Structure formats: structure tokens, C-alpha cells
Amino acid sequence: MNLITAIDKFSVYLINEKNYSNHTSMNYVRDLNDLYRFIAKNIEDKSAKIELRYIDEDTLKNFIASFVLNSGIKYSKRTISRKISTLKSFYKFLNRKKIFTENPSRNLIFPKLPKNLPQVVDEISLKELLDSKKLFSDDVWGQRDRAIMELLYSSGIRISELINLTVDRIDFDKDHPTIRVKGKGRKERIIPVGLIAIGAISAYLEKRDIYFAEKRVDYDNGVIFNAKNGKKLYPALLNRMTNGYISKISEIKKKSPHVLRHSFATHLLNHGADIRAVKDLLGHSSLSTTQIYTHVSVDRLKSVYQKAHPKA
């Protein structure tokens, strides 16, 4: 089989069987297309199809090395690591589906990545922000922003999960409200949400419906959060919005919606939450992914030490 046909089959597999989003599958395909261009550039017969059997371990190593040695663009270790991961996933797919029996990616070694601890906003600063009556305006958009910030911190959901959250996926139970979200791999999970966050969402939805009715503007009333044109939010707008609010109460470098997800997990662990429960709330497939938050839960470690050590 030639490489292009194999890439097409892999793309279909990612979407239909692995249930990956279009964005994620496009990243995999982009990496493999880079491999195709690399090989095509180095063969004499430009019209020849690149057969899988002619791609060996040295070819893949030279392909990866081309990113390390590229003098025009400096590729990060994380980018190179992702390309290696793509190659390994690609050949595992080919082997599993009995399309190709060899695996020239087997001996590719991942570069050692620096351990970047997630940045978080401290509890006092977040409380100051969310309790503020001045930082959020009283109009529909100020109430939308408050509801978003409350929900991100209350549930720890991802950007894509918030943007695609629909009204029918919220249980407005007065005692135990929950939301249902589809995470990575389109896996669904149910997350408990705080009463304050649910109240903020309800207040926003009421104002939103009145606003668009008065403006006589068609809007997407299936999703929870809309942009001013009535369509659902998009990531760049959400990033700008959270950056603006977090900037008012914190000096941390990163001020994205993901910082609130990090803060959600860290604060839960600081207050004694079981790491396995936090893993499920975040939608992580592996406990090792969640364990990074134990490194930033300094307050909890201090508390445990003070209580447990006889000489503390």
C-alpha cells in the first residue's frame, strides 16, 4: 500500500473509530503529510508512489532529525515529541489492521521534555474576582462572562466542552446540579456543579433570551453561551475574555481558560479531594496525567506535614 492511501485510512479510523475531533485528527494527518513531503523531496522519480515497504527506520529517524537540524525554524521538543507520537500511532494502526506488518517507528526515542507545572490562580484572588460586583457589568454580556468564569472554576471543564455545552445537558436540580459534557474522544462524563455557578447561568440565560428577543436577532438557543452575533462562542473570544478578567486579579503569565481548570484541580487536592475523583472530574484517561497537580498542591502538603509529623 502507498503512504497516501494509508494516511487516508488512518484519518477515517481516527474520526470513525477513535472518535477524535476533526481538529485532533487534522494534527495527526498534518504530521504524516510532512513525512510524505520529506520523502517525496528526496526521491528522484517525483511521479512515483511512496510505498510503505520502502519506508524504514532510518527514513523516520532522518525525518525527525530534519526538524532538529532545521536552521530556518526552531521546533520545540514538544512539537518533535508530538510528531514521533503520530508516527508510533500510525504504525500501530497499520499493524493492528493488518495493513502493514513492519513497525519502523518502534525504536524512535522521545526527547526529554521539561516538566512545566501548571499555573494556577490562588483561592483568595479567584474569590475576589467571582464575588466582585464591579468587575462584571450588569448587562447580558457581563452576566455571560460571570457565568462562564463561575462554570470554568466550578467544573474544571475544557474550552471545547464549555463552548459546545447545550441547555439540555444541564440538570438544574436545586440541591445537586450537574452537567453532561463530551470530552476528548467524545467520551461523555457527568460533573457536579456549584449552586452559585448554576445560579449565574440561569440569570444569564434569562437576560440572553430577553436581549435577542428585543433585538429581533436569530440566535443559537441550543448552546448555553453565545457571542454578540447570536452564534456560539469561539475559542479566541473565550481566551480574550478570561485573559482580561484574570489580569485584574493575578500576575501569572498564562491567563487562559485552562488556568481555571488547573486552579479547579489544584484547589480540590489542596482541600483533600481524592486524586482518582479529580481524575474522573477532569476526564483524564490516565492517573499519571492528573498527578501533575500533586506537585503544585503545596498548601495540602504543608497541612499534611504539620498534622502528621511528630516534630513538625
Protein backbone atom coordinates (compact mmCIF):
# COMPACT_ATOMS: atom_id res chain seq x y z
CA MET A 1 0.00 0.00 0.00
CA ASN A 2 1.24 3.51 -0.70
CA LEU A 3 1.66 6.14 2.01
CA ILE A 4 -1.12 8.49 0.85
CA THR A 5 -3.75 5.71 0.88
CA ALA A 6 -2.55 4.59 4.32
CA ILE A 7 -2.82 8.16 5.67
CA ASP A 8 -6.39 8.40 4.33
CA LYS A 9 -7.34 5.15 6.06
CA PHE A 10 -5.74 6.34 9.30
CA SER A 11 -7.70 9.62 9.14
CA VAL A 12 -11.01 7.75 8.75
CA TYR A 13 -10.06 5.47 11.66
CA LEU A 14 -9.31 8.43 13.96
CA ILE A 15 -12.68 10.03 13.33
CA ASN A 16 -14.97 7.00 12.99
CA GLU A 17 -13.41 4.54 15.43
CA LYS A 18 -11.37 6.61 17.88
CA ASN A 19 -13.98 9.39 17.85
CA TYR A 20 -11.30 12.07 17.73
CA SER A 21 -12.35 15.60 16.87
CA ASN A 22 -11.64 16.97 13.40
CA HIS A 23 -9.05 19.29 14.94
CA THR A 24 -7.13 16.43 16.59
CA SER A 25 -7.26 14.15 13.56
CA MET A 26 -6.10 17.03 11.32
CA ASN A 27 -2.99 17.43 13.51
CA TYR A 28 -2.15 13.73 13.04
CA VAL A 29 -2.69 13.93 9.29
CA ARG A 30 -0.60 17.12 9.06
CA ASP A 31 2.35 15.35 10.68
CA LEU A 32 2.06 12.42 8.28
CA ASN A 33 1.77 14.75 5.30
CA ASP A 34 5.04 16.31 6.49
CA LEU A 35 6.55 12.81 6.30
CA TYR A 36 5.23 12.38 2.77
CA ARG A 37 6.71 15.69 1.63
CA PHE A 38 10.04 14.86 3.27
CA ILE A 39 10.30 11.55 1.41
CA ALA A 40 8.99 12.97 -1.87
CA LYS A 41 11.63 15.70 -1.78
CA ASN A 42 14.39 13.11 -1.54
CA ILE A 43 13.38 10.67 -4.29
CA GLU A 44 14.44 11.02 -7.91
CA ASP A 45 11.17 9.93 -9.55
CA LYS A 46 8.71 12.58 -8.35
CA SER A 47 5.79 10.77 -10.00
CA ALA A 48 6.40 7.50 -8.15
CA LYS A 49 4.05 6.47 -5.36
CA ILE A 50 5.71 6.14 -1.98
CA GLU A 51 5.11 2.58 -0.84
CA LEU A 52 5.05 1.71 2.87
CA ARG A 53 7.56 -1.12 2.38
CA TYR A 54 10.23 1.37 1.31
CA ILE A 55 9.96 3.48 4.49
CA ASP A 56 12.43 2.12 7.02
CA GLU A 57 13.65 3.15 10.48
CA ASP A 58 16.45 5.31 9.04
CA THR A 59 13.91 7.21 6.92
CA LEU A 60 11.84 8.04 10.01
CA LYS A 61 14.91 9.00 12.03
CA ASN A 62 16.09 11.32 9.24
CA PHE A 63 12.60 12.80 9.06
CA ILE A 64 12.63 13.61 12.79
CA ALA A 65 16.22 14.85 12.58
CA SER A 66 15.17 17.30 9.87
CA PHE A 67 13.16 19.22 12.48
CA VAL A 68 16.04 19.26 14.94
CA LEU A 69 18.55 20.44 12.33
CA ASN A 70 16.25 22.90 10.54
CA SER A 71 18.10 26.22 10.52
CA GLY A 72 15.11 28.29 9.41
CA ILE A 73 12.60 27.30 12.09
CA LYS A 74 13.32 26.28 15.66
CA TYR A 75 10.96 23.42 16.54
CA SER A 76 10.26 22.81 20.21
CA LYS A 77 10.87 19.44 21.85
CA ARG A 78 7.13 19.22 22.40
CA THR A 79 6.44 19.57 18.67
CA ILE A 80 9.05 16.93 17.82
CA SER A 81 7.64 14.65 20.52
CA ARG A 82 4.16 15.00 19.02
CA LYS A 83 5.44 14.02 15.56
CA ILE A 84 7.08 10.91 16.99
CA SER A 85 3.84 10.07 18.79
CA THR A 86 1.97 10.45 15.49
CA LEU A 87 4.35 8.04 13.74
CA LYS A 88 4.01 5.45 16.51
CA SER A 89 0.21 5.71 16.49
CA PHE A 90 0.16 5.45 12.69
CA TYR A 91 2.20 2.24 12.58
CA LYS A 92 0.31 0.70 15.49
CA PHE A 93 -2.87 1.28 13.47
CA LEU A 94 -1.32 -0.30 10.35
CA ASN A 95 -0.18 -3.34 12.37
CA ARG A 96 -3.47 -3.74 14.22
CA LYS A 97 -5.49 -3.57 10.99
CA LYS A 98 -3.03 -5.95 9.29
CA ILE A 99 -2.37 -3.36 6.59
CA PHE A 100 1.38 -3.47 7.17
CA THR A 101 3.36 -5.93 9.30
CA GLU A 102 6.55 -3.92 9.99
CA ASN A 103 6.92 -1.10 12.53
CA PRO A 104 9.92 1.12 11.72
CA SER A 105 8.79 3.63 14.39
CA ARG A 106 9.37 1.16 17.24
CA ASN A 107 12.83 2.43 18.17
CA LEU A 108 12.16 6.16 17.84
CA ILE A 109 13.03 7.87 21.13
CA PHE A 110 11.07 10.78 22.54
CA PRO A 111 13.08 13.87 23.50
CA LYS A 112 13.19 14.56 27.22
CA LEU A 113 10.60 17.24 27.91
CA PRO A 114 10.89 19.83 30.67
CA LYS A 115 8.27 19.42 33.39
CA ASN A 116 6.24 22.59 33.23
CA LEU A 117 3.99 22.83 36.26
CA PRO A 118 0.52 24.19 35.54
CA GLN A 119 -0.09 27.79 36.58
CA VAL A 120 -2.97 28.45 38.94
CA VAL A 121 -4.75 31.43 40.45
CA ASP A 122 -4.79 31.38 44.25
CA GLU A 123 -8.11 30.85 46.02
CA ILE A 124 -8.31 34.31 47.59
CA SER A 125 -7.79 36.08 44.24
CA LEU A 126 -10.37 33.90 42.49
CA LYS A 127 -12.91 34.53 45.24
CA GLU A 128 -12.22 38.26 44.94
CA LEU A 129 -12.89 38.09 41.19
CA LEU A 130 -16.03 35.96 41.28
CA ASP A 131 -17.56 37.87 44.21
CA SER A 132 -16.87 41.26 42.63
CA LYS A 133 -19.83 43.48 41.77
CA LYS A 134 -17.63 45.90 39.85
CA LEU A 135 -15.61 43.67 37.51
CA PHE A 136 -18.69 42.22 35.77
CA SER A 137 -21.20 44.59 34.20
CA ASP A 138 -24.91 44.06 34.87
CA ASP A 139 -25.87 43.74 31.21
CA VAL A 140 -26.31 40.43 29.39
CA TRP A 141 -22.64 40.21 28.37
CA GLY A 142 -21.31 40.92 31.83
CA GLN A 143 -23.64 38.24 33.19
CA ARG A 144 -22.50 35.84 30.46
CA ASP A 145 -18.87 36.43 31.43
CA ARG A 146 -19.62 35.88 35.12
CA ALA A 147 -21.45 32.63 34.33
CA ILE A 148 -18.52 31.43 32.20
CA MET A 149 -15.92 32.19 34.86
CA GLU A 150 -18.06 30.57 37.57
CA LEU A 151 -18.65 27.45 35.46
CA LEU A 152 -14.99 27.05 34.43
CA TYR A 153 -13.84 27.22 38.04
CA SER A 154 -16.75 25.21 39.43
CA SER A 155 -16.45 22.29 36.99
CA GLY A 156 -12.92 22.34 35.54
CA ILE A 157 -14.22 21.71 32.01
CA ARG A 158 -12.15 22.32 28.89
CA ILE A 159 -12.65 25.20 26.45
CA SER A 160 -14.27 22.99 23.80
CA GLU A 161 -16.56 21.42 26.40
CA LEU A 162 -17.81 24.81 27.54
CA ILE A 163 -18.31 26.16 24.01
CA ASN A 164 -20.34 23.11 22.95
CA LEU A 165 -22.35 22.81 26.18
CA THR A 166 -26.07 22.81 25.39
CA VAL A 167 -29.05 23.70 27.56
CA ASP A 168 -30.37 20.14 27.59
CA ARG A 169 -27.09 18.93 29.14
CA ILE A 170 -27.58 20.89 32.36
CA ASP A 171 -29.55 19.43 35.25
CA PHE A 172 -30.76 22.46 37.20
CA ASP A 173 -31.57 20.36 40.29
CA LYS A 174 -31.84 22.80 43.19
CA ASP A 175 -29.76 20.61 45.51
CA HIS A 176 -27.36 18.68 43.25
CA PRO A 177 -26.98 20.33 39.82
CA THR A 178 -24.83 18.58 37.21
CA ILE A 179 -23.68 19.00 33.63
CA ARG A 180 -23.00 16.36 30.96
CA VAL A 181 -20.07 17.09 28.66
CA LYS A 182 -18.33 15.31 25.81
CA GLY A 183 -14.59 15.34 26.31
CA LYS A 184 -11.64 14.04 24.33
CA GLY A 185 -12.50 11.03 22.20
CA ARG A 186 -16.13 12.16 22.58
CA LYS A 187 -16.29 10.41 25.93
CA GLU A 188 -19.21 11.65 28.00
CA ARG A 189 -18.99 12.36 31.71
CA ILE A 190 -21.27 13.88 34.34
CA ILE A 191 -19.82 16.62 36.55
CA PRO A 192 -21.38 18.16 39.68
CA VAL A 193 -21.58 21.95 39.55
CA GLY A 194 -21.83 24.51 42.35
CA LEU A 195 -25.13 26.23 43.09
CA ILE A 196 -23.56 29.65 42.55
CA ALA A 197 -22.42 28.70 39.05
CA ILE A 198 -25.85 27.30 38.19
CA GLY A 199 -27.49 30.48 39.52
CA ALA A 200 -25.17 32.61 37.37
CA ILE A 201 -26.05 30.53 34.29
CA SER A 202 -29.78 30.84 34.95
CA ALA A 203 -29.53 34.61 35.41
CA TYR A 204 -27.56 34.95 32.17
CA LEU A 205 -29.93 32.75 30.14
CA GLU A 206 -32.90 34.83 31.24
CA LYS A 207 -31.20 38.06 30.17
CA ARG A 208 -29.93 36.49 26.95
CA ASP A 209 -33.38 35.43 25.76
CA ILE A 210 -34.83 38.87 26.51
CA TYR A 211 -31.90 40.61 24.78
CA PHE A 212 -32.16 38.71 21.49
CA ALA A 213 -35.97 38.90 21.51
CA GLU A 214 -35.81 42.69 21.83
CA LYS A 215 -33.13 42.92 19.15
CA ARG A 216 -35.13 40.55 16.93
CA VAL A 217 -31.93 38.68 16.17
CA ASP A 218 -31.89 34.96 15.46
CA TYR A 219 -29.55 33.18 17.85
CA ASP A 220 -28.45 29.68 18.70
CA ASN A 221 -30.59 28.94 21.74
CA GLY A 222 -29.36 25.36 21.95
CA VAL A 223 -25.92 26.26 23.25
CA ILE A 224 -25.51 27.98 26.61
CA PHE A 225 -23.05 30.70 25.69
CA ASN A 226 -23.42 32.99 22.68
CA ALA A 227 -21.34 35.68 21.05
CA LYS A 228 -22.99 39.04 20.35
CA ASN A 229 -23.96 37.93 16.84
CA GLY A 230 -26.04 35.10 18.30
CA LYS A 231 -23.69 32.32 17.30
CA LYS A 232 -21.91 30.10 19.82
CA LEU A 233 -18.66 31.31 21.32
CA TYR A 234 -15.34 30.63 19.61
CA PRO A 235 -12.02 29.87 21.39
CA ALA A 236 -10.26 33.18 20.61
CA LEU A 237 -13.11 35.19 22.15
CA LEU A 238 -13.15 32.98 25.25
CA ASN A 239 -9.38 33.34 25.61
CA ARG A 240 -9.53 37.15 25.35
CA MET A 241 -12.34 37.32 27.86
CA THR A 242 -10.69 35.16 30.53
CA ASN A 243 -7.35 36.89 29.98
CA GLY A 244 -8.97 40.25 30.68
CA TYR A 245 -10.60 39.19 33.94
CA ILE A 246 -7.68 37.18 35.32
CA SER A 247 -5.34 40.10 34.55
CA LYS A 248 -7.29 42.21 37.01
CA ILE A 249 -6.57 39.93 39.97
CA SER A 250 -3.39 37.99 39.16
CA GLU A 251 0.07 38.49 37.68
CA ILE A 252 0.59 34.93 36.44
CA LYS A 253 1.89 34.73 32.86
CA LYS A 254 -0.77 32.45 31.42
CA LYS A 255 -4.32 33.69 31.80
CA SER A 256 -6.28 31.31 29.57
CA PRO A 257 -9.49 29.40 30.42
CA HIS A 258 -7.26 26.38 31.06
CA VAL A 259 -5.77 28.20 34.07
CA LEU A 260 -9.19 27.93 35.73
CA ARG A 261 -9.18 24.19 35.01
CA HIS A 262 -5.75 23.95 36.65
CA SER A 263 -6.99 26.01 39.60
CA PHE A 264 -10.09 23.80 39.96
CA ALA A 265 -7.97 20.63 40.22
CA THR A 266 -5.28 22.11 42.46
CA HIS A 267 -7.74 23.64 44.93
CA LEU A 268 -9.67 20.36 45.18
CA LEU A 269 -6.46 18.48 46.02
CA ASN A 270 -5.43 21.19 48.48
CA HIS A 271 -8.66 20.54 50.37
CA GLY A 272 -8.15 16.78 50.50
CA ALA A 273 -10.02 15.52 47.44
CA ASP A 274 -9.08 12.02 46.28
CA ILE A 275 -6.87 12.20 43.19
CA ARG A 276 -8.89 9.46 41.46
CA ALA A 277 -12.05 11.51 41.86
CA VAL A 278 -10.28 14.57 40.44
CA LYS A 279 -9.10 12.42 37.51
CA ASP A 280 -12.70 11.47 36.71
CA LEU A 281 -13.93 15.05 37.07
CA LEU A 282 -11.28 16.30 34.65
CA GLY A 283 -11.95 13.49 32.18
CA HIS A 284 -8.35 12.24 32.18
CA SER A 285 -7.84 8.76 30.77
CA SER A 286 -4.73 8.16 32.89
CA LEU A 287 -3.99 8.91 36.53
CA SER A 288 -0.45 9.97 35.56
CA THR A 289 -1.92 12.99 33.75
CA THR A 290 -3.70 14.11 36.91
CA GLN A 291 -0.66 13.57 39.13
CA ILE A 292 1.00 16.74 37.85
CA TYR A 293 -1.39 18.66 40.09
CA THR A 294 0.04 16.99 43.17
CA HIS A 295 3.27 18.90 42.52
CA VAL A 296 1.52 22.25 42.84
CA SER A 297 -0.61 21.36 45.84
CA VAL A 298 1.95 22.79 48.24
CA ASP A 299 -0.64 24.00 50.73
CA ARG A 300 -2.01 20.49 51.11
CA LEU A 301 1.46 19.00 51.57
CA LYS A 302 2.25 21.55 54.28
CA SER A 303 -1.01 20.77 56.05
CA VAL A 304 -0.39 17.01 55.91
CA TYR A 305 3.14 17.50 57.22
CA GLN A 306 2.01 19.73 60.10
CA LYS A 307 -0.63 17.19 61.17
CA ALA A 308 1.37 14.00 60.69
CA HIS A 309 5.00 14.66 61.54
CA PRO A 310 5.83 14.37 65.29
CA LYS A 311 8.49 17.09 65.04
CA ALA A 312 6.51 19.49 62.82
